[in-house]
Amino acid sequence: MDGERGTDQDGEMGAERKKQDSPVGEESEEPEKQPTEQASPREKKGKKRKSVIETPVPVKKKTALKSQTECFMAQEKKEDEGEKKPKKKRKKKKKTITDVLATSDPKPGSPVDLQSLVLEHFKDKRSVIELEELKLQESCFVRSNDLTHSLSSYLKEICPKWAKVQKQHTEKSSVVLLIVCSAALRVIELIKQLTTFKGEAKVLKLFAKHIKVEEQVKLLQMGVTHIGVGTPGRLSALIEKEGLTLPPLRFLVLDWNWRDQKLRRMVDVPEVKGDLLKLLDMGILKGCREGKVKVGLF
């Protein structure tokens, strides 16, 4: 009996323990499952938040580094450009006529200057023998202007017997004295300066501005002209059309030392220089070698 009771009691105790153990176990398992099920979205949210929080940190650092590097690069470029600009300007800088005149006084032209100009221009176009023929002796030149003369005083010095020369000239379509300058305005200015020298001589302006070649040819044919003042381009055109003949010519004066607003002489302007050399080669240099024409640099 006692053994049966003990077994019954043990069975009841075991059943009670099972009952107690089973709900506790179920309750313990259920709350353990619930936090796991609830924790998972939180953890996911937490992970997402962490990813959102963690990811921009390196991005900001990278952008900051990039912006800093870009700033440094921009500054370096600006500094490089600032250093390069003056170097480029220095390379482009060349000595102009103004710069040369600022450091030294202008020198009057000389026969050597004209001679070197002629030989330099024709050295690739003529043979050695022909170049020798272009060389002029000192006797071909009259005294050059030393920058102290006016045009009238200079002409009186190089042609003291002008009154006699003027009377002896009777041929049309020609002149005894030819003055060559670079521009039409300079032609008019020089004609005004001839007042005290010309006397009764007839002066004709020979430039291309507002005057046709045919009109000037007619003017030269109408009467005797003693002095012609003009530009080398128009004078060459008149000689080509036989409106101006050279045999009666005795004096050729080049307006060599005068400078325009840009401080350029007649031979410093490429177009004018080319026309001048063409004019000299049309028979004037030949007349100089033959002793018929005297050249003066004013």
Protein backbone atom coordinates (compact mmCIF):
# COMPACT_ATOMS: atom_id res chain seq x y z
CA MET A 1 0.00 0.00 0.00
CA ASP A 2 2.72 2.26 0.99
CA GLY A 3 4.49 1.44 -2.25
CA GLU A 4 1.41 2.12 -4.32
CA ARG A 5 0.84 5.40 -2.54
CA GLY A 6 4.41 6.33 -3.13
CA THR A 7 4.10 5.57 -6.76
CA ASP A 8 0.80 7.43 -6.99
CA GLN A 9 2.27 10.39 -5.26
CA ASP A 10 5.29 10.24 -7.44
CA GLY A 11 3.06 10.05 -10.49
CA GLU A 12 0.98 12.98 -9.36
CA MET A 13 4.05 14.95 -8.53
CA GLY A 14 5.49 14.13 -11.93
CA ALA A 15 2.26 15.13 -13.63
CA GLU A 16 2.13 18.34 -11.71
CA ARG A 17 5.72 19.01 -12.56
CA LYS A 18 4.98 18.32 -16.20
CA LYS A 19 2.01 20.67 -16.06
CA GLN A 20 4.10 23.27 -14.38
CA ASP A 21 6.99 22.67 -16.69
CA SER A 22 4.89 22.65 -19.84
CA PRO A 23 3.22 26.06 -19.49
CA VAL A 24 6.38 27.59 -18.24
CA GLY A 25 8.18 26.13 -21.17
CA GLU A 26 5.49 27.29 -23.58
CA GLU A 27 5.45 30.73 -22.03
CA SER A 28 9.19 30.88 -22.07
CA GLU A 29 9.27 29.80 -25.68
CA GLU A 30 6.56 32.23 -26.75
CA PRO A 31 8.16 35.33 -25.27
CA GLU A 32 11.45 34.22 -26.69
CA LYS A 33 9.82 33.93 -30.12
CA GLN A 34 8.03 37.25 -29.81
CA PRO A 35 11.10 39.32 -29.14
CA THR A 36 12.84 37.55 -31.95
CA GLU A 37 9.97 38.28 -34.31
CA GLN A 38 9.66 41.85 -33.04
CA ALA A 39 13.38 42.39 -32.89
CA SER A 40 13.92 41.47 -36.47
CA PRO A 41 12.19 44.54 -37.97
CA ARG A 42 13.78 46.73 -35.34
CA GLU A 43 17.11 45.26 -36.14
CA LYS A 44 16.34 45.80 -39.81
CA LYS A 45 15.35 49.37 -39.09
CA GLY A 46 18.40 49.75 -36.93
CA LYS A 47 20.53 48.34 -39.69
CA LYS A 48 18.94 50.66 -42.20
CA ARG A 49 19.47 53.60 -39.91
CA LYS A 50 23.01 52.52 -39.32
CA SER A 51 23.56 52.21 -43.02
CA VAL A 52 22.03 55.65 -43.57
CA ILE A 53 24.10 57.11 -40.78
CA GLU A 54 27.30 55.30 -41.62
CA THR A 55 27.27 55.68 -45.39
CA PRO A 56 27.10 59.50 -45.65
CA VAL A 57 30.06 59.91 -43.33
CA PRO A 58 32.63 58.60 -45.80
CA VAL A 59 30.75 60.30 -48.67
CA LYS A 60 31.01 63.66 -46.95
CA LYS A 61 34.66 63.05 -46.31
CA LYS A 62 35.21 62.18 -49.95
CA THR A 63 33.31 65.21 -51.18
CA ALA A 64 35.18 67.38 -48.73
CA LEU A 65 38.46 65.93 -49.92
CA LYS A 66 37.40 66.37 -53.54
CA SER A 67 36.35 69.95 -52.96
CA GLN A 68 39.63 70.64 -51.20
CA THR A 69 41.64 69.04 -53.99
CA GLU A 70 39.62 70.96 -56.59
CA CYS A 71 40.25 74.20 -54.70
CA PHE A 72 43.96 73.44 -54.54
CA MET A 73 43.99 72.53 -58.22
CA ALA A 74 42.12 75.71 -59.11
CA GLN A 75 44.52 77.78 -57.05
CA GLU A 76 47.49 76.05 -58.66
CA LYS A 77 46.02 76.65 -62.11
CA LYS A 78 45.42 80.31 -61.29
CA GLU A 79 48.96 80.62 -60.00
CA ASP A 80 50.29 78.84 -63.08
CA GLU A 81 48.24 81.10 -65.34
CA GLY A 82 49.41 84.14 -63.40
CA GLU A 83 52.98 83.02 -63.87
CA LYS A 84 52.53 82.15 -67.55
CA LYS A 85 50.78 85.36 -68.63
CA PRO A 86 53.70 87.72 -68.09
CA LYS A 87 55.99 85.24 -69.83
CA LYS A 88 53.75 85.28 -72.90
CA LYS A 89 53.64 89.07 -72.86
CA ARG A 90 57.39 89.22 -72.62
CA LYS A 91 57.72 86.97 -75.63
CA LYS A 92 55.29 89.08 -77.65
CA LYS A 93 56.99 92.33 -76.81
CA LYS A 94 59.11 93.64 -79.63
CA LYS A 95 60.97 96.86 -80.02
CA THR A 96 58.90 99.38 -81.90
CA ILE A 97 60.00 102.57 -83.59
CA THR A 98 58.67 104.50 -80.59
CA ASP A 99 60.81 102.43 -78.21
CA VAL A 100 63.91 102.99 -80.30
CA LEU A 101 63.34 106.74 -80.54
CA ALA A 102 62.68 106.93 -76.81
CA THR A 103 66.13 105.56 -76.07
CA SER A 104 68.00 107.40 -78.81
CA ASP A 105 67.73 110.60 -80.80
CA PRO A 106 66.56 110.29 -84.43
CA LYS A 107 69.43 110.29 -86.89
CA PRO A 108 69.20 112.07 -90.24
CA GLY A 109 69.25 109.97 -93.37
CA SER A 110 72.44 109.59 -95.35
CA PRO A 111 73.37 108.35 -98.85
CA VAL A 112 74.56 105.11 -97.28
CA ASP A 113 71.02 104.46 -96.00
CA LEU A 114 69.52 104.83 -99.45
CA GLN A 115 72.25 102.75 -101.04
CA SER A 116 71.80 99.88 -98.58
CA LEU A 117 68.02 100.00 -99.05
CA VAL A 118 68.34 99.64 -102.83
CA LEU A 119 70.88 96.81 -102.69
CA GLU A 120 68.94 94.92 -100.03
CA HIS A 121 65.77 95.07 -102.12
CA PHE A 122 67.32 93.96 -105.41
CA LYS A 123 69.93 91.45 -104.15
CA ASP A 124 67.70 88.43 -104.88
CA LYS A 125 66.32 89.86 -108.13
CA ARG A 126 69.44 90.99 -109.96
CA SER A 127 72.73 89.45 -110.97
CA VAL A 128 76.04 90.49 -109.47
CA ILE A 129 76.83 92.71 -112.45
CA GLU A 130 73.41 94.38 -112.30
CA LEU A 131 73.82 95.02 -108.57
CA GLU A 132 77.11 96.78 -109.29
CA GLU A 133 75.27 99.05 -111.70
CA LEU A 134 72.83 100.02 -108.93
CA LYS A 135 75.61 101.41 -106.75
CA LEU A 136 75.79 105.20 -106.77
CA GLN A 137 78.88 107.33 -106.33
CA GLU A 138 79.07 110.09 -103.74
CA SER A 139 78.94 112.63 -106.55
CA CYS A 140 75.35 111.51 -107.25
CA PHE A 141 74.18 113.00 -103.95
CA VAL A 142 73.82 116.52 -102.65
CA ARG A 143 74.11 117.41 -99.00
CA SER A 144 71.51 115.72 -96.79
CA ASN A 145 69.30 117.57 -94.33
CA ASP A 146 70.74 117.60 -90.81
CA LEU A 147 67.25 118.08 -89.28
CA THR A 148 67.77 121.83 -88.86
CA HIS A 149 66.44 123.00 -92.25
CA SER A 150 62.99 123.83 -93.50
CA LEU A 151 62.21 122.67 -97.03
CA SER A 152 62.84 126.10 -98.56
CA SER A 153 66.15 126.62 -96.77
CA TYR A 154 67.30 123.13 -97.74
CA LEU A 155 66.43 123.63 -101.42
CA LYS A 156 68.23 126.97 -101.46
CA GLU A 157 71.33 125.21 -100.16
CA ILE A 158 71.36 122.34 -102.66
CA CYS A 159 70.18 124.45 -105.62
CA PRO A 160 71.53 127.99 -105.21
CA LYS A 161 71.01 128.80 -108.94
CA TRP A 162 67.35 127.91 -108.97
CA ALA A 163 66.23 131.02 -110.87
CA LYS A 164 68.52 130.11 -113.79
CA VAL A 165 67.47 126.43 -113.79
CA GLN A 166 63.83 127.46 -113.73
CA LYS A 167 64.14 129.70 -116.80
CA GLN A 168 65.98 127.04 -118.80
CA HIS A 169 63.22 124.50 -118.35
CA THR A 170 60.66 124.73 -121.18
CA GLU A 171 59.47 121.16 -121.76
CA LYS A 172 55.94 119.98 -120.98
CA SER A 173 55.02 116.70 -119.24
CA SER A 174 58.14 116.97 -117.12
CA VAL A 175 59.63 118.68 -114.07
CA VAL A 176 63.08 119.91 -113.07
CA LEU A 177 62.65 119.26 -109.34
CA LEU A 178 60.77 116.22 -108.05
CA ILE A 179 59.93 115.90 -104.34
CA VAL A 180 58.76 112.47 -103.18
CA CYS A 181 56.88 111.95 -99.89
CA SER A 182 54.71 109.27 -98.32
CA ALA A 183 51.15 110.69 -98.18
CA ALA A 184 48.78 113.19 -99.78
CA LEU A 185 48.54 115.38 -96.68
CA ARG A 186 52.31 115.59 -96.55
CA VAL A 187 52.32 116.67 -100.21
CA ILE A 188 50.05 119.61 -99.43
CA GLU A 189 52.14 120.55 -96.41
CA LEU A 190 55.37 120.57 -98.41
CA ILE A 191 53.83 122.65 -101.20
CA LYS A 192 53.00 125.33 -98.60
CA GLN A 193 56.63 125.30 -97.46
CA LEU A 194 57.85 126.02 -101.00
CA THR A 195 56.54 129.58 -100.99
CA THR A 196 59.83 131.30 -100.22
CA PHE A 197 61.82 129.14 -102.63
CA LYS A 198 59.78 128.56 -105.79
CA GLY A 199 59.59 132.16 -107.01
CA GLU A 200 57.64 132.13 -110.29
CA ALA A 201 57.91 128.38 -110.75
CA LYS A 202 54.77 126.32 -111.31
CA VAL A 203 54.17 123.57 -108.74
CA LEU A 204 51.93 120.55 -109.29
CA LYS A 205 50.68 118.11 -106.67
CA LEU A 206 50.86 114.52 -107.87
CA PHE A 207 49.05 112.09 -105.59
CA ALA A 208 46.19 109.61 -105.99
CA LYS A 209 43.65 111.08 -103.57
CA HIS A 210 40.55 112.46 -105.41
CA ILE A 211 42.55 112.96 -108.62
CA LYS A 212 42.63 110.53 -111.53
CA VAL A 213 45.81 109.74 -113.42
CA GLU A 214 44.30 110.95 -116.70
CA GLU A 215 43.52 114.36 -115.20
CA GLN A 216 47.09 114.76 -113.99
CA VAL A 217 48.43 113.70 -117.38
CA LYS A 218 46.38 116.50 -118.98
CA LEU A 219 47.61 119.03 -116.41
CA LEU A 220 51.22 118.12 -117.18
CA GLN A 221 50.58 118.45 -120.92
CA MET A 222 48.84 121.83 -120.66
CA GLY A 223 51.87 123.86 -119.65
CA VAL A 224 55.38 123.86 -118.24
CA THR A 225 55.64 122.52 -114.70
CA HIS A 226 58.86 123.18 -112.78
CA ILE A 227 58.28 121.37 -109.47
CA GLY A 228 56.35 118.19 -108.86
CA VAL A 229 55.44 117.03 -105.35
CA GLY A 230 53.86 113.60 -105.05
CA THR A 231 53.71 110.08 -103.73
CA PRO A 232 55.86 107.33 -105.28
CA GLY A 233 52.86 105.23 -106.31
CA ARG A 234 51.23 107.97 -108.37
CA LEU A 235 54.56 109.15 -109.83
CA SER A 236 55.28 105.60 -111.03
CA ALA A 237 51.82 105.43 -112.64
CA LEU A 238 52.40 108.74 -114.46
CA ILE A 239 55.76 107.54 -115.80
CA GLU A 240 54.20 104.27 -117.00
CA LYS A 241 51.50 106.20 -118.88
CA GLU A 242 54.16 108.56 -120.28
CA GLY A 243 52.41 111.46 -118.64
CA LEU A 244 55.66 112.32 -116.86
CA THR A 245 59.01 112.11 -118.66
CA LEU A 246 62.34 111.95 -116.81
CA PRO A 247 65.05 113.38 -119.15
CA PRO A 248 64.58 117.03 -117.99
CA LEU A 249 64.77 116.01 -114.31
CA ARG A 250 67.73 117.54 -112.44
CA PHE A 251 66.95 117.17 -108.71
CA LEU A 252 65.25 114.37 -106.79
CA VAL A 253 64.46 115.15 -103.13
CA LEU A 254 63.23 112.35 -100.87
CA ASP A 255 61.24 113.30 -97.77
CA TRP A 256 63.35 110.78 -95.88
CA ASN A 257 63.37 112.03 -92.27
CA TRP A 258 59.72 112.96 -91.81
CA ARG A 259 57.66 110.66 -89.57
CA ASP A 260 53.91 110.14 -89.40
CA GLN A 261 51.74 109.80 -86.27
CA LYS A 262 53.10 106.29 -85.74
CA LEU A 263 56.64 107.67 -86.04
CA ARG A 264 57.20 105.82 -89.32
CA ARG A 265 59.39 107.19 -92.06
CA MET A 266 58.59 106.80 -95.72
CA VAL A 267 60.80 103.70 -95.96
CA ASP A 268 59.23 102.16 -92.83
CA VAL A 269 55.87 101.68 -94.56
CA PRO A 270 56.11 98.55 -96.74
CA GLU A 271 53.76 99.76 -99.50
CA VAL A 272 55.42 103.15 -99.80
CA LYS A 273 58.89 101.64 -99.71
CA GLY A 274 57.98 99.24 -102.52
CA ASP A 275 56.60 102.07 -104.66
CA LEU A 276 59.69 104.18 -104.00
CA LEU A 277 62.10 101.44 -105.09
CA LYS A 278 59.99 100.85 -108.19
CA LEU A 279 60.14 104.58 -108.98
CA LEU A 280 63.91 104.69 -108.58
CA ASP A 281 64.29 101.71 -110.91
CA MET A 282 62.24 103.35 -113.68
CA GLY A 283 65.15 105.45 -114.91
CA ILE A 284 66.05 107.73 -112.01
CA LEU A 285 69.00 105.61 -110.82
CA LYS A 286 70.26 105.47 -114.39
CA GLY A 287 70.08 109.26 -114.60
CA CYS A 288 72.04 109.47 -111.34
CA ARG A 289 74.82 107.21 -112.68
CA GLU A 290 75.00 109.32 -115.83
CA GLY A 291 75.41 112.46 -113.73
CA LYS A 292 72.15 114.09 -114.87
CA VAL A 293 70.19 113.78 -111.61
CA LYS A 294 71.26 114.73 -108.08
CA VAL A 295 69.62 113.07 -105.08
CA GLY A 296 68.97 114.76 -101.74
CA LEU A 297 67.57 113.33 -98.50
CA PHE A 298 65.43 115.90 -96.70
